[in-house]
Amino acid sequence: MNENNIETAVAYYDAYNKKDFASITRLLHPDIHFVAPMGESTGKEAVLEAVKRFLTVIKKIEIREKFGYDDKVMLVYDLIYGESSTLCRTAVLMNFENNLILKLELFYDARPFGNL
């Protein structure tokens, strides 16, 4: 169900804004696969370790656009992070299974994160 997946995708990033680790955990499939310019992880425990680190860096995520088709959702968002509130324009392609996030593939310029 496409609309449910879009709602789940938005709820996932809303949980980041609230620093709500429990909600993030509930939305991830046990076999989650995470792909980003800075690395790749498979399995819920490995992805949650990355989430814990990420939650300490981000200040806010502002979703700009959302699209969905079948079991996929694409979000475009602004990520505000760091001491100086740096902006990183980001996109994510998400795959879903049973309304849980099965795959997250992030697209962004990783150069500013080299020193984090």
N, C-alpha and C. Protein backbone atom coordinates (compact mmCIF):
# COMPACT_ATOMS: atom_id res chain seq x y z
N MET A 1 0.85 -1.17 0.00
CA MET A 1 0.00 0.00 0.00
C MET A 1 0.90 1.24 0.00
N ASN A 2 0.87 1.97 -1.06
CA ASN A 2 1.76 3.10 -1.28
C ASN A 2 1.60 4.20 -0.22
N GLU A 3 0.39 4.64 0.06
CA GLU A 3 0.19 5.73 1.03
C GLU A 3 0.70 5.34 2.41
N ASN A 4 0.48 4.09 2.80
CA ASN A 4 1.00 3.64 4.10
C ASN A 4 2.52 3.71 4.13
N ASN A 5 3.16 3.35 3.03
CA ASN A 5 4.62 3.41 2.98
C ASN A 5 5.12 4.84 3.07
N ILE A 6 4.46 5.76 2.40
CA ILE A 6 4.83 7.17 2.50
C ILE A 6 4.68 7.66 3.93
N GLU A 7 3.59 7.29 4.58
CA GLU A 7 3.39 7.68 5.98
C GLU A 7 4.48 7.11 6.88
N THR A 8 4.87 5.87 6.62
CA THR A 8 5.93 5.25 7.41
C THR A 8 7.26 5.96 7.18
N ALA A 9 7.55 6.30 5.93
CA ALA A 9 8.79 7.01 5.61
C ALA A 9 8.85 8.35 6.33
N VAL A 10 7.76 9.08 6.31
CA VAL A 10 7.71 10.38 7.00
C VAL A 10 7.84 10.18 8.51
N ALA A 11 7.17 9.17 9.04
CA ALA A 11 7.25 8.89 10.48
C ALA A 11 8.68 8.54 10.89
N TYR A 12 9.39 7.83 10.03
CA TYR A 12 10.78 7.46 10.30
C TYR A 12 11.65 8.70 10.51
N TYR A 13 11.54 9.66 9.61
CA TYR A 13 12.35 10.87 9.73
C TYR A 13 11.82 11.81 10.80
N ASP A 14 10.52 11.77 11.07
CA ASP A 14 9.97 12.53 12.18
C ASP A 14 10.55 12.02 13.50
N ALA A 15 10.74 10.70 13.59
CA ALA A 15 11.34 10.11 14.79
C ALA A 15 12.78 10.61 14.98
N TYR A 16 13.50 10.85 13.89
CA TYR A 16 14.85 11.43 14.01
C TYR A 16 14.76 12.82 14.63
N ASN A 17 13.82 13.62 14.15
CA ASN A 17 13.67 14.97 14.69
C ASN A 17 13.35 14.94 16.18
N LYS A 18 12.62 13.94 16.62
CA LYS A 18 12.25 13.80 18.03
C LYS A 18 13.29 13.03 18.84
N LYS A 19 14.35 12.53 18.15
CA LYS A 19 15.36 11.68 18.79
C LYS A 19 14.70 10.48 19.45
N ASP A 20 13.70 9.92 18.76
CA ASP A 20 12.89 8.81 19.27
C ASP A 20 13.43 7.49 18.73
N PHE A 21 14.44 6.97 19.40
CA PHE A 21 15.12 5.75 18.97
C PHE A 21 14.16 4.55 18.93
N ALA A 22 13.24 4.47 19.87
CA ALA A 22 12.28 3.35 19.91
C ALA A 22 11.41 3.33 18.66
N SER A 23 10.93 4.47 18.21
CA SER A 23 10.10 4.52 17.00
C SER A 23 10.92 4.16 15.76
N ILE A 24 12.14 4.66 15.69
CA ILE A 24 13.01 4.31 14.57
C ILE A 24 13.18 2.79 14.51
N THR A 25 13.45 2.19 15.65
CA THR A 25 13.65 0.75 15.74
C THR A 25 12.43 -0.02 15.24
N ARG A 26 11.24 0.40 15.65
CA ARG A 26 10.00 -0.28 15.25
C ARG A 26 9.74 -0.24 13.75
N LEU A 27 10.25 0.77 13.06
CA LEU A 27 9.95 0.95 11.64
C LEU A 27 10.90 0.19 10.72
N LEU A 28 11.97 -0.38 11.27
CA LEU A 28 12.96 -1.08 10.46
C LEU A 28 12.68 -2.57 10.38
N HIS A 29 12.78 -3.12 9.18
CA HIS A 29 12.66 -4.55 8.94
C HIS A 29 13.87 -5.25 9.57
N PRO A 30 13.73 -6.46 10.08
CA PRO A 30 14.89 -7.17 10.65
C PRO A 30 16.05 -7.35 9.67
N ASP A 31 15.75 -7.44 8.38
CA ASP A 31 16.78 -7.63 7.36
C ASP A 31 17.12 -6.34 6.62
N ILE A 32 16.99 -5.20 7.29
CA ILE A 32 17.24 -3.90 6.67
C ILE A 32 18.62 -3.87 6.02
N HIS A 33 18.66 -3.23 4.84
CA HIS A 33 19.92 -3.02 4.12
C HIS A 33 20.07 -1.52 3.94
N PHE A 34 21.18 -0.97 4.42
CA PHE A 34 21.44 0.46 4.39
C PHE A 34 22.63 0.74 3.48
N VAL A 35 22.44 1.65 2.52
CA VAL A 35 23.50 2.02 1.58
C VAL A 35 23.62 3.55 1.59
N ALA A 36 24.85 4.03 1.76
CA ALA A 36 25.10 5.47 1.76
C ALA A 36 26.48 5.72 1.17
N PRO A 37 26.76 6.96 0.79
CA PRO A 37 28.09 7.26 0.24
C PRO A 37 29.24 6.91 1.20
N MET A 38 28.98 6.91 2.49
CA MET A 38 30.05 6.65 3.46
C MET A 38 30.10 5.21 3.94
N GLY A 39 29.21 4.35 3.45
CA GLY A 39 29.27 2.97 3.89
C GLY A 39 27.97 2.22 3.67
N GLU A 40 27.99 0.96 4.08
CA GLU A 40 26.87 0.06 3.85
C GLU A 40 26.75 -0.87 5.06
N SER A 41 25.51 -1.16 5.45
CA SER A 41 25.26 -2.07 6.57
C SER A 41 24.06 -2.95 6.25
N THR A 42 24.07 -4.15 6.81
CA THR A 42 22.95 -5.06 6.65
C THR A 42 22.57 -5.62 8.02
N GLY A 43 21.28 -5.69 8.27
CA GLY A 43 20.78 -6.21 9.54
C GLY A 43 20.42 -5.09 10.48
N LYS A 44 19.37 -5.32 11.24
CA LYS A 44 18.82 -4.28 12.11
C LYS A 44 19.82 -3.78 13.14
N GLU A 45 20.53 -4.68 13.79
CA GLU A 45 21.48 -4.26 14.83
C GLU A 45 22.58 -3.36 14.26
N ALA A 46 23.13 -3.71 13.12
CA ALA A 46 24.19 -2.91 12.51
C ALA A 46 23.67 -1.53 12.11
N VAL A 47 22.48 -1.49 11.54
CA VAL A 47 21.90 -0.21 11.12
C VAL A 47 21.59 0.65 12.34
N LEU A 48 21.09 0.04 13.40
CA LEU A 48 20.77 0.81 14.61
C LEU A 48 22.02 1.40 15.26
N GLU A 49 23.15 0.74 15.13
CA GLU A 49 24.40 1.33 15.63
C GLU A 49 24.72 2.62 14.88
N ALA A 50 24.52 2.61 13.57
CA ALA A 50 24.74 3.81 12.76
C ALA A 50 23.73 4.90 13.13
N VAL A 51 22.48 4.50 13.37
CA VAL A 51 21.43 5.45 13.77
C VAL A 51 21.84 6.15 15.06
N LYS A 52 22.33 5.41 16.04
CA LYS A 52 22.74 6.01 17.31
C LYS A 52 23.79 7.10 17.10
N ARG A 53 24.77 6.84 16.25
CA ARG A 53 25.81 7.84 15.97
C ARG A 53 25.21 9.05 15.25
N PHE A 54 24.34 8.79 14.29
CA PHE A 54 23.73 9.85 13.49
C PHE A 54 22.87 10.77 14.35
N LEU A 55 22.15 10.20 15.31
CA LEU A 55 21.28 11.00 16.17
C LEU A 55 22.05 12.03 16.98
N THR A 56 23.33 11.78 17.24
CA THR A 56 24.13 12.74 18.00
C THR A 56 24.59 13.93 17.15
N VAL A 57 24.50 13.80 15.82
CA VAL A 57 25.01 14.82 14.91
C VAL A 57 23.91 15.71 14.34
N ILE A 58 22.75 15.13 14.07
CA ILE A 58 21.71 15.89 13.38
C ILE A 58 21.00 16.86 14.32
N LYS A 59 20.56 17.95 13.72
CA LYS A 59 19.73 18.91 14.45
C LYS A 59 18.28 18.83 13.97
N LYS A 60 18.11 18.71 12.64
CA LYS A 60 16.75 18.70 12.11
C LYS A 60 16.75 18.14 10.70
N ILE A 61 15.66 17.48 10.36
CA ILE A 61 15.42 17.00 8.99
C ILE A 61 14.12 17.63 8.52
N GLU A 62 14.19 18.30 7.38
CA GLU A 62 13.01 18.95 6.81
C GLU A 62 12.70 18.30 5.46
N ILE A 63 11.62 17.54 5.41
CA ILE A 63 11.24 16.87 4.17
C ILE A 63 10.68 17.91 3.20
N ARG A 64 11.23 17.90 1.99
CA ARG A 64 10.80 18.86 0.96
C ARG A 64 9.82 18.24 -0.01
N GLU A 65 10.04 16.99 -0.40
CA GLU A 65 9.17 16.30 -1.35
C GLU A 65 9.10 14.83 -0.99
N LYS A 66 7.99 14.18 -1.38
CA LYS A 66 7.84 12.74 -1.15
C LYS A 66 7.06 12.14 -2.31
N PHE A 67 7.53 10.99 -2.75
CA PHE A 67 6.92 10.28 -3.87
C PHE A 67 6.88 8.80 -3.53
N GLY A 68 5.87 8.12 -4.01
CA GLY A 68 5.82 6.69 -3.76
C GLY A 68 5.19 5.93 -4.92
N TYR A 69 5.65 4.70 -5.10
CA TYR A 69 5.08 3.81 -6.09
C TYR A 69 5.32 2.38 -5.63
N ASP A 70 4.26 1.61 -5.54
CA ASP A 70 4.35 0.21 -5.17
C ASP A 70 5.05 0.09 -3.81
N ASP A 71 6.18 -0.60 -3.72
CA ASP A 71 6.85 -0.80 -2.43
C ASP A 71 8.03 0.16 -2.24
N LYS A 72 8.07 1.25 -3.02
CA LYS A 72 9.19 2.20 -2.94
C LYS A 72 8.69 3.61 -2.61
N VAL A 73 9.51 4.32 -1.86
CA VAL A 73 9.25 5.72 -1.53
C VAL A 73 10.55 6.48 -1.73
N MET A 74 10.43 7.67 -2.30
CA MET A 74 11.57 8.57 -2.48
C MET A 74 11.27 9.86 -1.74
N LEU A 75 12.19 10.25 -0.87
CA LEU A 75 12.06 11.51 -0.15
C LEU A 75 13.25 12.40 -0.51
N VAL A 76 12.98 13.68 -0.60
CA VAL A 76 14.03 14.68 -0.74
C VAL A 76 13.93 15.54 0.51
N TYR A 77 15.06 15.70 1.21
CA TYR A 77 15.00 16.47 2.45
C TYR A 77 16.28 17.26 2.67
N ASP A 78 16.14 18.26 3.52
CA ASP A 78 17.28 19.05 3.98
C ASP A 78 17.66 18.52 5.35
N LEU A 79 18.93 18.17 5.50
CA LEU A 79 19.48 17.71 6.76
C LEU A 79 20.30 18.84 7.35
N ILE A 80 19.98 19.24 8.56
CA ILE A 80 20.72 20.28 9.24
C ILE A 80 21.49 19.60 10.37
N TYR A 81 22.81 19.78 10.38
CA TYR A 81 23.63 19.03 11.32
C TYR A 81 24.81 19.88 11.81
N GLY A 82 25.43 19.40 12.87
CA GLY A 82 26.67 19.98 13.36
C GLY A 82 26.51 21.25 14.16
N GLU A 83 27.63 21.67 14.72
CA GLU A 83 27.67 22.87 15.56
C GLU A 83 27.24 24.13 14.82
N SER A 84 27.59 24.20 13.53
CA SER A 84 27.29 25.42 12.76
C SER A 84 26.00 25.31 11.96
N SER A 85 25.18 24.29 12.25
CA SER A 85 23.90 24.08 11.55
C SER A 85 24.09 24.06 10.03
N THR A 86 24.96 23.21 9.58
CA THR A 86 25.25 23.04 8.16
C THR A 86 24.08 22.34 7.47
N LEU A 87 23.81 22.74 6.24
CA LEU A 87 22.73 22.16 5.45
C LEU A 87 23.29 21.15 4.47
N CYS A 88 22.67 19.98 4.43
CA CYS A 88 23.03 18.95 3.45
C CYS A 88 21.76 18.53 2.72
N ARG A 89 21.70 18.80 1.43
CA ARG A 89 20.54 18.36 0.63
C ARG A 89 20.69 16.87 0.37
N THR A 90 19.63 16.14 0.67
CA THR A 90 19.70 14.68 0.67
C THR A 90 18.47 14.08 0.01
N ALA A 91 18.65 12.90 -0.57
CA ALA A 91 17.53 12.12 -1.07
C ALA A 91 17.70 10.70 -0.55
N VAL A 92 16.58 10.02 -0.37
CA VAL A 92 16.62 8.63 0.08
C VAL A 92 15.60 7.83 -0.73
N LEU A 93 16.02 6.67 -1.18
CA LEU A 93 15.13 5.71 -1.83
C LEU A 93 14.92 4.60 -0.82
N MET A 94 13.66 4.36 -0.48
CA MET A 94 13.31 3.38 0.54
C MET A 94 12.47 2.26 -0.08
N ASN A 95 12.81 1.04 0.27
CA ASN A 95 12.00 -0.12 -0.12
C ASN A 95 11.31 -0.64 1.13
N PHE A 96 10.09 -1.12 0.96
CA PHE A 96 9.29 -1.58 2.09
C PHE A 96 8.83 -3.02 1.90
N GLU A 97 8.67 -3.70 3.02
CA GLU A 97 8.05 -5.01 3.05
C GLU A 97 7.17 -5.05 4.30
N ASN A 98 5.90 -5.33 4.12
CA ASN A 98 4.95 -5.35 5.24
C ASN A 98 4.97 -4.06 6.05
N ASN A 99 5.06 -2.94 5.34
CA ASN A 99 5.07 -1.60 5.92
C ASN A 99 6.27 -1.33 6.84
N LEU A 100 7.32 -2.12 6.68
CA LEU A 100 8.58 -1.89 7.39
C LEU A 100 9.66 -1.54 6.36
N ILE A 101 10.61 -0.73 6.77
CA ILE A 101 11.67 -0.30 5.86
C ILE A 101 12.66 -1.44 5.67
N LEU A 102 12.73 -1.94 4.45
CA LEU A 102 13.60 -3.05 4.10
C LEU A 102 14.96 -2.57 3.56
N LYS A 103 14.95 -1.42 2.87
CA LYS A 103 16.19 -0.88 2.32
C LYS A 103 16.14 0.63 2.35
N LEU A 104 17.25 1.22 2.74
CA LEU A 104 17.45 2.67 2.71
C LEU A 104 18.68 2.94 1.87
N GLU A 105 18.52 3.72 0.81
CA GLU A 105 19.67 4.11 -0.01
C GLU A 105 19.73 5.63 -0.06
N LEU A 106 20.76 6.19 0.57
CA LEU A 106 20.92 7.63 0.67
C LEU A 106 21.78 8.19 -0.45
N PHE A 107 21.43 9.40 -0.89
CA PHE A 107 22.17 10.11 -1.93
C PHE A 107 22.48 11.52 -1.41
N TYR A 108 23.77 11.81 -1.23
CA TYR A 108 24.21 13.13 -0.79
C TYR A 108 25.70 13.26 -1.05
N ASP A 109 26.19 14.49 -0.97
CA ASP A 109 27.61 14.76 -1.11
C ASP A 109 28.27 14.50 0.25
N ALA A 110 29.08 13.47 0.34
CA ALA A 110 29.67 13.04 1.62
C ALA A 110 30.91 13.84 2.01
N ARG A 111 31.43 14.67 1.14
CA ARG A 111 32.68 15.40 1.45
C ARG A 111 32.62 16.17 2.77
N PRO A 112 31.54 16.90 3.07
CA PRO A 112 31.53 17.64 4.34
C PRO A 112 31.56 16.74 5.58
N PHE A 113 31.20 15.48 5.45
CA PHE A 113 31.15 14.58 6.59
C PHE A 113 32.48 13.88 6.85
N GLY A 114 33.48 14.15 6.05
CA GLY A 114 34.76 13.48 6.17
C GLY A 114 35.42 13.64 7.52
N ASN A 115 35.11 14.71 8.23
CA ASN A 115 35.75 14.94 9.53
C ASN A 115 34.84 14.61 10.71
N LEU A 116 33.70 13.98 10.46
CA LEU A 116 32.79 13.63 11.57
C LEU A 116 33.09 12.26 12.10
